[in-house]
C-alpha atoms as a PDB file:
ATOM      1  CA  UNK A   1     -25.387   7.138  27.469  1.00  0.00           C
ATOM      2  CA  UNK A   2     -21.872   5.652  26.701  1.00  0.00           C
ATOM      3  CA  UNK A   3     -20.667   2.496  28.265  1.00  0.00           C
ATOM      4  CA  UNK A   4     -17.849   2.599  30.575  1.00  0.00           C
ATOM      5  CA  UNK A   5     -14.300   2.537  29.382  1.00  0.00           C
ATOM      6  CA  UNK A   6     -12.794  -1.135  29.717  1.00  0.00           C
ATOM      7  CA  UNK A   7      -9.474  -1.469  31.670  1.00  0.00           C
ATOM      8  CA  UNK A   8      -6.355  -2.217  29.454  1.00  0.00           C
ATOM      9  CA  UNK A   9      -3.740  -4.641  30.285  1.00  0.00           C
ATOM     10  CA  UNK A  10      -1.484  -1.728  31.651  1.00  0.00           C
ATOM     11  CA  UNK A  11      -4.190  -0.722  34.051  1.00  0.00           C
ATOM     12  CA  UNK A  12      -5.284   2.182  32.285  1.00  0.00           C
ATOM     13  CA  UNK A  13      -8.670   3.105  30.502  1.00  0.00           C
ATOM     14  CA  UNK A  14      -9.098   2.209  27.024  1.00  0.00           C
ATOM     15  CA  UNK A  15      -8.833   5.459  24.757  1.00  0.00           C
ATOM     16  CA  UNK A  16     -11.919   6.528  23.546  1.00  0.00           C
ATOM     17  CA  UNK A  17     -12.470   6.427  19.693  1.00  0.00           C
ATOM     18  CA  UNK A  18     -12.789   9.691  17.839  1.00  0.00           C
ATOM     19  CA  UNK A  19     -15.970  10.126  15.708  1.00  0.00           C
ATOM     20  CA  UNK A  20     -15.336   9.660  12.053  1.00  0.00           C
ATOM     21  CA  UNK A  21     -15.359  12.659   9.931  1.00  0.00           C
ATOM     22  CA  UNK A  22     -18.264  13.069   7.408  1.00  0.00           C
ATOM     23  CA  UNK A  23     -17.408  11.292   4.106  1.00  0.00           C
ATOM     24  CA  UNK A  24     -15.706  13.281   1.295  1.00  0.00           C
ATOM     25  CA  UNK A  25     -18.432  14.901  -1.177  1.00  0.00           C
ATOM     26  CA  UNK A  26     -19.334  12.674  -4.128  1.00  0.00           C
ATOM     27  CA  UNK A  27     -17.683  13.231  -7.041  1.00  0.00           C
ATOM     28  CA  UNK A  28     -19.149  13.126 -10.658  1.00  0.00           C
ATOM     29  CA  UNK A  29     -18.322   9.618 -12.346  1.00  0.00           C
ATOM     30  CA  UNK A  30     -15.344   9.829 -14.361  1.00  0.00           C
ATOM     31  CA  UNK A  31     -13.555  12.710 -12.478  1.00  0.00           C
ATOM     32  CA  UNK A  32     -11.618  10.403 -10.311  1.00  0.00           C
ATOM     33  CA  UNK A  33      -8.784   9.810 -12.989  1.00  0.00           C
ATOM     34  CA  UNK A  34      -8.623  13.449 -13.588  1.00  0.00           C
ATOM     35  CA  UNK A  35      -8.513  14.116  -9.654  1.00  0.00           C
ATOM     36  CA  UNK A  36      -5.775  11.653  -9.307  1.00  0.00           C
ATOM     37  CA  UNK A  37      -3.563  13.005 -12.328  1.00  0.00           C
ATOM     38  CA  UNK A  38      -3.914  16.351 -10.784  1.00  0.00           C
ATOM     39  CA  UNK A  39      -3.013  15.297  -7.278  1.00  0.00           C
ATOM     40  CA  UNK A  40       0.059  13.308  -8.511  1.00  0.00           C
ATOM     41  CA  UNK A  41       1.289  16.157 -10.651  1.00  0.00           C
ATOM     42  CA  UNK A  42       1.097  18.532  -7.379  1.00  0.00           C
ATOM     43  CA  UNK A  43       3.308  15.671  -5.643  1.00  0.00           C
ATOM     44  CA  UNK A  44       5.673  15.709  -8.448  1.00  0.00           C
ATOM     45  CA  UNK A  45       6.089  19.343  -8.078  1.00  0.00           C
ATOM     46  CA  UNK A  46       7.277  18.874  -4.252  1.00  0.00           C
ATOM     47  CA  UNK A  47       9.897  16.560  -5.214  1.00  0.00           C
ATOM     48  CA  UNK A  48      13.405  17.658  -4.854  1.00  0.00           C
ATOM     49  CA  UNK A  49      15.062  15.997  -8.080  1.00  0.00           C
ATOM     50  CA  UNK A  50      18.748  14.999  -8.107  1.00  0.00           C
ATOM     51  CA  UNK A  51      21.384  17.011  -9.810  1.00  0.00           C
ATOM     52  CA  UNK A  52      23.658  15.286 -12.303  1.00  0.00           C
ATOM     53  CA  UNK A  53      26.637  14.662  -9.616  1.00  0.00           C
ATOM     54  CA  UNK A  54      23.970  13.029  -7.361  1.00  0.00           C
ATOM     55  CA  UNK A  55      22.566  10.918 -10.085  1.00  0.00           C
ATOM     56  CA  UNK A  56      26.161   9.710 -11.350  1.00  0.00           C
ATOM     57  CA  UNK A  57      27.075   9.163  -7.574  1.00  0.00           C
ATOM     58  CA  UNK A  58      23.872   6.907  -6.883  1.00  0.00           C
ATOM     59  CA  UNK A  59      24.398   5.071  -9.989  1.00  0.00           C
ATOM     60  CA  UNK A  60      27.718   4.290  -9.506  1.00  0.00           C
ATOM     61  CA  UNK A  61      27.016   3.079  -5.929  1.00  0.00           C
ATOM     62  CA  UNK A  62      24.378   0.689  -7.263  1.00  0.00           C
ATOM     63  CA  UNK A  63      26.685  -0.641  -9.897  1.00  0.00           C
ATOM     64  CA  UNK A  64      29.462  -1.464  -7.250  1.00  0.00           C
ATOM     65  CA  UNK A  65      26.766  -2.937  -4.927  1.00  0.00           C
ATOM     66  CA  UNK A  66      25.548  -5.234  -7.875  1.00  0.00           C
ATOM     67  CA  UNK A  67      29.186  -6.271  -8.621  1.00  0.00           C
ATOM     68  CA  UNK A  68      29.958  -7.249  -5.120  1.00  0.00           C
ATOM     69  CA  UNK A  69      26.784  -9.234  -4.736  1.00  0.00           C
ATOM     70  CA  UNK A  70      27.115 -10.670  -7.925  1.00  0.00           C
ATOM     71  CA  UNK A  71      30.521 -11.995  -6.991  1.00  0.00           C
ATOM     72  CA  UNK A  72      29.409 -13.366  -3.717  1.00  0.00           C
ATOM     73  CA  UNK A  73      26.588 -15.251  -5.238  1.00  0.00           C
ATOM     74  CA  UNK A  74      28.939 -16.866  -7.935  1.00  0.00           C
ATOM     75  CA  UNK A  75      31.495 -17.449  -5.158  1.00  0.00           C
ATOM     76  CA  UNK A  76      28.922 -19.376  -3.180  1.00  0.00           C
ATOM     77  CA  UNK A  77      27.495 -21.109  -6.195  1.00  0.00           C
ATOM     78  CA  UNK A  78      30.564 -22.632  -6.875  1.00  0.00           C
ATOM     79  CA  UNK A  79      31.357 -23.886  -3.291  1.00  0.00           C
ATOM     80  CA  UNK A  80      28.168 -25.438  -3.213  1.00  0.00           C
ATOM     81  CA  UNK A  81      28.568 -26.904  -6.581  1.00  0.00           C
ATOM     82  CA  UNK A  82      31.933 -28.434  -5.287  1.00  0.00           C
ATOM     83  CA  UNK A  83      30.491 -29.675  -2.169  1.00  0.00           C
ATOM     84  CA  UNK A  84      27.415 -31.506  -3.896  1.00  0.00           C
ATOM     85  CA  UNK A  85      29.744 -33.126  -6.843  1.00  0.00           C
ATOM     86  CA  UNK A  86      32.590 -34.129  -4.507  1.00  0.00           C
ATOM     87  CA  UNK A  87      31.145 -34.775  -1.282  1.00  0.00           C
ATOM     88  CA  UNK A  88      27.280 -35.677  -1.294  1.00  0.00           C
ATOM     89  CA  UNK A  89      27.530 -37.440  -4.808  1.00  0.00           C
ATOM     90  CA  UNK A  90      30.511 -39.896  -4.073  1.00  0.00           C
END
């Protein structure tokens, strides 16, 4: 006999837990790596690989973003260097 469902904070009953499915069959020792490689290869076949135009565009976006962030960090570093040298150390 199951215990009654407990009420939740919003006034409803706690959802019943589904029984766990049976464990997968045991594999022979050492077959885990082969199984993993097989499944990884199957997943790689599903990937939609970019064409050359998409690859060049994506690379350009990343390079421009790196330049912008690098400039921002350099500028911020110069600002704080000035503040430390001329304001805090005087």
